[in-house]
Amino acid sequence: MKTYPLPELLTVVILFAVFALFHVECVPKAGASFDSDALILSRAIVSEAGFTPGRETHALLHVLQWRKENVPALRHMSLARIATLYCSELNGRARTARAAQTRRLTSADIPDAIESDVRSWLLGERPANICEGATDWASPAFVRAQGLRAMRCDEPTQNAFVRRGVR
């Protein structure tokens, strides 16, 4: 039987412990980040399109994805972070009771179909875009007030989708 000097054995035990801690710490955080991003994006969808699941969810996600890929300042951000910056009810600019309620929504409060669509999106599923070429969305009244022209989408939407150049 081979005996190991104490310093070598101690080094192996320490390395094993560090590896075990690293594995335990990193794996749950990755899952927690995915869950957190899914919840934030689901809140954004509810805030912008309401509690009714539908194809507008994908149109909103396509706009966020377009912004991530085409606006240099946003490229390093997650879609959840971009949604938080873009959605006034999530970023704190709106100080209404509805905004506060939106920021407190839990997964249980959000329709399963919306959360499922968001999770599928985060996993790489990209359904067809009903508002092809849209770079922004806003309420129809805001779009009119800004002198913008809403795009024609393949299906009715509650938001007005527009195409603008990179800022």
C-alpha atoms as a PDB file:
ATOM      1  CA  MET A   1       0.000   0.000   0.000  1.00  0.00           C
ATOM      2  CA  LYS A   2       1.331   3.337  -1.039  1.00  0.00           C
ATOM      3  CA  THR A   3       1.296   6.131   1.484  1.00  0.00           C
ATOM      4  CA  TYR A   4       0.979   9.720   0.465  1.00  0.00           C
ATOM      5  CA  PRO A   5       2.757  12.534   2.173  1.00  0.00           C
ATOM      6  CA  LEU A   6       0.335  14.730   4.041  1.00  0.00           C
ATOM      7  CA  PRO A   7       0.891  17.907   1.919  1.00  0.00           C
ATOM      8  CA  GLU A   8       0.040  16.062  -1.349  1.00  0.00           C
ATOM      9  CA  LEU A   9      -3.058  14.478   0.134  1.00  0.00           C
ATOM     10  CA  LEU A  10      -4.154  17.803   1.590  1.00  0.00           C
ATOM     11  CA  THR A  11      -3.723  19.452  -1.826  1.00  0.00           C
ATOM     12  CA  VAL A  12      -5.908  16.801  -3.481  1.00  0.00           C
ATOM     13  CA  VAL A  13      -8.597  17.175  -0.805  1.00  0.00           C
ATOM     14  CA  ILE A  14      -8.564  20.970  -1.150  1.00  0.00           C
ATOM     15  CA  LEU A  15      -8.780  20.776  -4.953  1.00  0.00           C
ATOM     16  CA  PHE A  16     -11.657  18.317  -4.730  1.00  0.00           C
ATOM     17  CA  ALA A  17     -13.495  20.577  -2.266  1.00  0.00           C
ATOM     18  CA  VAL A  18     -12.969  23.639  -4.485  1.00  0.00           C
ATOM     19  CA  PHE A  19     -14.244  21.729  -7.520  1.00  0.00           C
ATOM     20  CA  ALA A  20     -17.292  20.525  -5.600  1.00  0.00           C
ATOM     21  CA  LEU A  21     -18.094  24.051  -4.378  1.00  0.00           C
ATOM     22  CA  PHE A  22     -17.597  25.482  -7.854  1.00  0.00           C
ATOM     23  CA  HIS A  23     -19.955  22.912  -9.355  1.00  0.00           C
ATOM     24  CA  VAL A  24     -22.616  23.409  -6.686  1.00  0.00           C
ATOM     25  CA  GLU A  25     -22.447  27.207  -6.946  1.00  0.00           C
ATOM     26  CA  CYS A  26     -22.439  27.539 -10.738  1.00  0.00           C
ATOM     27  CA  VAL A  27     -25.025  25.042 -11.848  1.00  0.00           C
ATOM     28  CA  PRO A  28     -27.979  26.448  -9.883  1.00  0.00           C
ATOM     29  CA  LYS A  29     -27.087  30.022 -10.792  1.00  0.00           C
ATOM     30  CA  ALA A  30     -27.331  29.228 -14.503  1.00  0.00           C
ATOM     31  CA  GLY A  31     -30.825  27.813 -13.949  1.00  0.00           C
ATOM     32  CA  ALA A  32     -31.764  30.700 -11.696  1.00  0.00           C
ATOM     33  CA  SER A  33     -30.621  33.191 -14.344  1.00  0.00           C
ATOM     34  CA  PHE A  34     -32.739  31.461 -17.000  1.00  0.00           C
ATOM     35  CA  ASP A  35     -35.769  31.498 -14.677  1.00  0.00           C
ATOM     36  CA  SER A  36     -35.184  35.134 -13.787  1.00  0.00           C
ATOM     37  CA  ASP A  37     -34.833  36.154 -17.450  1.00  0.00           C
ATOM     38  CA  ALA A  38     -37.994  34.218 -18.343  1.00  0.00           C
ATOM     39  CA  LEU A  39     -39.947  35.941 -15.567  1.00  0.00           C
ATOM     40  CA  ILE A  40     -38.707  39.419 -16.518  1.00  0.00           C
ATOM     41  CA  LEU A  41     -39.512  38.880 -20.203  1.00  0.00           C
ATOM     42  CA  SER A  42     -42.922  37.452 -19.298  1.00  0.00           C
ATOM     43  CA  ARG A  43     -43.621  40.546 -17.189  1.00  0.00           C
ATOM     44  CA  ALA A  44     -42.638  42.725 -20.150  1.00  0.00           C
ATOM     45  CA  ILE A  45     -45.009  40.820 -22.448  1.00  0.00           C
ATOM     46  CA  VAL A  46     -47.878  41.184 -19.952  1.00  0.00           C
ATOM     47  CA  SER A  47     -47.073  44.865 -19.517  1.00  0.00           C
ATOM     48  CA  GLU A  48     -47.008  45.549 -23.250  1.00  0.00           C
ATOM     49  CA  ALA A  49     -49.613  43.127 -24.630  1.00  0.00           C
ATOM     50  CA  GLY A  50     -51.738  42.100 -21.651  1.00  0.00           C
ATOM     51  CA  PHE A  51     -52.545  38.707 -20.203  1.00  0.00           C
ATOM     52  CA  THR A  52     -53.897  37.227 -23.434  1.00  0.00           C
ATOM     53  CA  PRO A  53     -51.377  34.870 -25.046  1.00  0.00           C
ATOM     54  CA  GLY A  54     -50.924  35.204 -28.777  1.00  0.00           C
ATOM     55  CA  ARG A  55     -48.626  35.877 -31.674  1.00  0.00           C
ATOM     56  CA  GLU A  56     -47.960  39.429 -30.465  1.00  0.00           C
ATOM     57  CA  THR A  57     -45.669  37.850 -27.849  1.00  0.00           C
ATOM     58  CA  HIS A  58     -43.376  36.712 -30.652  1.00  0.00           C
ATOM     59  CA  ALA A  59     -43.544  40.090 -32.391  1.00  0.00           C
ATOM     60  CA  LEU A  60     -42.414  41.807 -29.181  1.00  0.00           C
ATOM     61  CA  LEU A  61     -39.600  39.277 -28.703  1.00  0.00           C
ATOM     62  CA  HIS A  62     -38.503  39.748 -32.330  1.00  0.00           C
ATOM     63  CA  VAL A  63     -38.200  43.499 -31.733  1.00  0.00           C
ATOM     64  CA  LEU A  64     -36.130  42.937 -28.580  1.00  0.00           C
ATOM     65  CA  GLN A  65     -33.920  40.455 -30.458  1.00  0.00           C
ATOM     66  CA  TRP A  66     -33.516  42.919 -33.339  1.00  0.00           C
ATOM     67  CA  ARG A  67     -32.471  45.621 -30.890  1.00  0.00           C
ATOM     68  CA  LYS A  68     -29.922  43.284 -29.257  1.00  0.00           C
ATOM     69  CA  GLU A  69     -28.386  42.396 -32.614  1.00  0.00           C
ATOM     70  CA  ASN A  70     -28.455  45.857 -34.213  1.00  0.00           C
ATOM     71  CA  VAL A  71     -27.995  48.455 -31.481  1.00  0.00           C
ATOM     72  CA  PRO A  72     -24.315  48.330 -30.479  1.00  0.00           C
ATOM     73  CA  ALA A  73     -24.922  49.526 -26.907  1.00  0.00           C
ATOM     74  CA  LEU A  74     -27.277  46.593 -26.291  1.00  0.00           C
ATOM     75  CA  ARG A  75     -25.278  43.721 -27.799  1.00  0.00           C
ATOM     76  CA  HIS A  76     -23.725  42.619 -24.504  1.00  0.00           C
ATOM     77  CA  MET A  77     -27.064  42.673 -22.636  1.00  0.00           C
ATOM     78  CA  SER A  78     -29.538  39.875 -22.095  1.00  0.00           C
ATOM     79  CA  LEU A  79     -33.000  40.197 -23.645  1.00  0.00           C
ATOM     80  CA  ALA A  80     -34.388  40.499 -20.125  1.00  0.00           C
ATOM     81  CA  ARG A  81     -32.146  43.521 -19.444  1.00  0.00           C
ATOM     82  CA  ILE A  82     -33.110  45.096 -22.774  1.00  0.00           C
ATOM     83  CA  ALA A  83     -36.800  44.523 -21.988  1.00  0.00           C
ATOM     84  CA  THR A  84     -36.332  46.146 -18.588  1.00  0.00           C
ATOM     85  CA  LEU A  85     -34.762  49.223 -20.176  1.00  0.00           C
ATOM     86  CA  TYR A  86     -37.349  49.386 -22.961  1.00  0.00           C
ATOM     87  CA  CYS A  87     -40.518  48.775 -20.945  1.00  0.00           C
ATOM     88  CA  SER A  88     -41.479  51.794 -18.839  1.00  0.00           C
ATOM     89  CA  GLU A  89     -43.436  49.697 -16.329  1.00  0.00           C
ATOM     90  CA  LEU A  90     -40.325  47.633 -15.600  1.00  0.00           C
ATOM     91  CA  ASN A  91     -37.629  50.300 -15.621  1.00  0.00           C
ATOM     92  CA  GLY A  92     -39.228  52.490 -12.975  1.00  0.00           C
ATOM     93  CA  ARG A  93     -40.189  55.470 -15.159  1.00  0.00           C
ATOM     94  CA  ALA A  94     -43.862  54.613 -14.734  1.00  0.00           C
ATOM     95  CA  ARG A  95     -44.896  55.172 -11.136  1.00  0.00           C
ATOM     96  CA  THR A  96     -48.464  53.913 -11.406  1.00  0.00           C
ATOM     97  CA  ALA A  97     -50.211  51.215  -9.399  1.00  0.00           C
ATOM     98  CA  ARG A  98     -50.321  49.100 -12.577  1.00  0.00           C
ATOM     99  CA  ALA A  99     -46.551  49.424 -13.018  1.00  0.00           C
ATOM    100  CA  ALA A 100     -45.945  48.402  -9.413  1.00  0.00           C
ATOM    101  CA  GLN A 101     -48.250  45.423  -9.892  1.00  0.00           C
ATOM    102  CA  THR A 102     -46.438  44.425 -13.109  1.00  0.00           C
ATOM    103  CA  ARG A 103     -43.066  44.514 -11.337  1.00  0.00           C
ATOM    104  CA  ARG A 104     -44.468  42.213  -8.610  1.00  0.00           C
ATOM    105  CA  LEU A 105     -45.945  39.580 -10.949  1.00  0.00           C
ATOM    106  CA  THR A 106     -44.809  36.057 -10.137  1.00  0.00           C
ATOM    107  CA  SER A 107     -44.637  33.115 -12.473  1.00  0.00           C
ATOM    108  CA  ALA A 108     -47.965  31.910 -11.042  1.00  0.00           C
ATOM    109  CA  ASP A 109     -49.616  35.215 -12.093  1.00  0.00           C
ATOM    110  CA  ILE A 110     -48.557  34.934 -15.741  1.00  0.00           C
ATOM    111  CA  PRO A 111     -50.497  32.756 -18.201  1.00  0.00           C
ATOM    112  CA  ASP A 112     -48.672  29.487 -18.869  1.00  0.00           C
ATOM    113  CA  ALA A 113     -48.811  30.054 -22.634  1.00  0.00           C
ATOM    114  CA  ILE A 114     -46.933  33.373 -22.359  1.00  0.00           C
ATOM    115  CA  GLU A 115     -44.294  31.934 -20.070  1.00  0.00           C
ATOM    116  CA  SER A 116     -43.959  28.878 -22.321  1.00  0.00           C
ATOM    117  CA  ASP A 117     -43.469  31.072 -25.413  1.00  0.00           C
ATOM    118  CA  VAL A 118     -40.835  33.130 -23.593  1.00  0.00           C
ATOM    119  CA  ARG A 119     -38.973  30.046 -22.350  1.00  0.00           C
ATOM    120  CA  SER A 120     -39.019  28.528 -25.837  1.00  0.00           C
ATOM    121  CA  TRP A 121     -37.641  31.797 -27.218  1.00  0.00           C
ATOM    122  CA  LEU A 122     -34.818  31.799 -24.681  1.00  0.00           C
ATOM    123  CA  LEU A 123     -34.008  28.226 -25.735  1.00  0.00           C
ATOM    124  CA  GLY A 124     -33.643  29.368 -29.355  1.00  0.00           C
ATOM    125  CA  GLU A 125     -37.094  28.807 -30.888  1.00  0.00           C
ATOM    126  CA  ARG A 126     -37.931  31.665 -33.242  1.00  0.00           C
ATOM    127  CA  PRO A 127     -41.513  31.449 -34.626  1.00  0.00           C
ATOM    128  CA  ALA A 128     -42.370  33.598 -37.628  1.00  0.00           C
ATOM    129  CA  ASN A 129     -42.561  37.312 -37.040  1.00  0.00           C
ATOM    130  CA  ILE A 130     -46.036  38.728 -37.697  1.00  0.00           C
ATOM    131  CA  CYS A 131     -44.557  42.261 -37.917  1.00  0.00           C
ATOM    132  CA  GLU A 132     -41.538  41.589 -40.127  1.00  0.00           C
ATOM    133  CA  GLY A 133     -39.018  44.419 -40.047  1.00  0.00           C
ATOM    134  CA  ALA A 134     -40.309  46.087 -36.868  1.00  0.00           C
ATOM    135  CA  THR A 135     -37.643  47.767 -34.768  1.00  0.00           C
ATOM    136  CA  ASP A 136     -39.886  49.388 -32.155  1.00  0.00           C
ATOM    137  CA  TRP A 137     -43.366  49.230 -30.720  1.00  0.00           C
ATOM    138  CA  ALA A 138     -45.520  51.656 -28.781  1.00  0.00           C
ATOM    139  CA  SER A 139     -49.147  52.442 -28.162  1.00  0.00           C
ATOM    140  CA  PRO A 140     -50.978  53.506 -31.327  1.00  0.00           C
ATOM    141  CA  ALA A 141     -51.630  56.937 -29.747  1.00  0.00           C
ATOM    142  CA  PHE A 142     -47.913  57.462 -29.036  1.00  0.00           C
ATOM    143  CA  VAL A 143     -46.967  56.416 -32.569  1.00  0.00           C
ATOM    144  CA  ARG A 144     -49.473  58.910 -34.037  1.00  0.00           C
ATOM    145  CA  ALA A 145     -48.292  61.680 -31.675  1.00  0.00           C
ATOM    146  CA  GLN A 146     -44.703  61.127 -32.816  1.00  0.00           C
ATOM    147  CA  GLY A 147     -45.715  61.374 -36.467  1.00  0.00           C
ATOM    148  CA  LEU A 148     -44.686  57.772 -37.104  1.00  0.00           C
ATOM    149  CA  ARG A 149     -46.521  55.373 -39.337  1.00  0.00           C
ATOM    150  CA  ALA A 150     -47.435  51.985 -37.913  1.00  0.00           C
ATOM    151  CA  MET A 151     -46.499  48.910 -39.915  1.00  0.00           C
ATOM    152  CA  ARG A 152     -49.076  46.532 -41.208  1.00  0.00           C
ATOM    153  CA  CYS A 153     -48.714  43.261 -39.309  1.00  0.00           C
ATOM    154  CA  ASP A 154     -49.976  39.874 -40.504  1.00  0.00           C
ATOM    155  CA  GLU A 155     -52.317  39.673 -37.511  1.00  0.00           C
ATOM    156  CA  PRO A 156     -54.006  42.374 -35.407  1.00  0.00           C
ATOM    157  CA  THR A 157     -51.897  43.669 -32.505  1.00  0.00           C
ATOM    158  CA  GLN A 158     -52.717  45.930 -29.622  1.00  0.00           C
ATOM    159  CA  ASN A 159     -49.408  47.758 -30.062  1.00  0.00           C
ATOM    160  CA  ALA A 160     -48.316  49.769 -33.069  1.00  0.00           C
ATOM    161  CA  PHE A 161     -45.107  48.374 -34.541  1.00  0.00           C
ATOM    162  CA  VAL A 162     -42.791  50.680 -36.461  1.00  0.00           C
ATOM    163  CA  ARG A 163     -39.522  50.487 -38.351  1.00  0.00           C
ATOM    164  CA  ARG A 164     -36.821  52.983 -37.469  1.00  0.00           C
ATOM    165  CA  GLY A 165     -33.116  53.006 -38.201  1.00  0.00           C
ATOM    166  CA  VAL A 166     -30.372  52.213 -35.710  1.00  0.00           C
ATOM    167  CA  ARG A 167     -29.998  55.037 -33.219  1.00  0.00           C
END
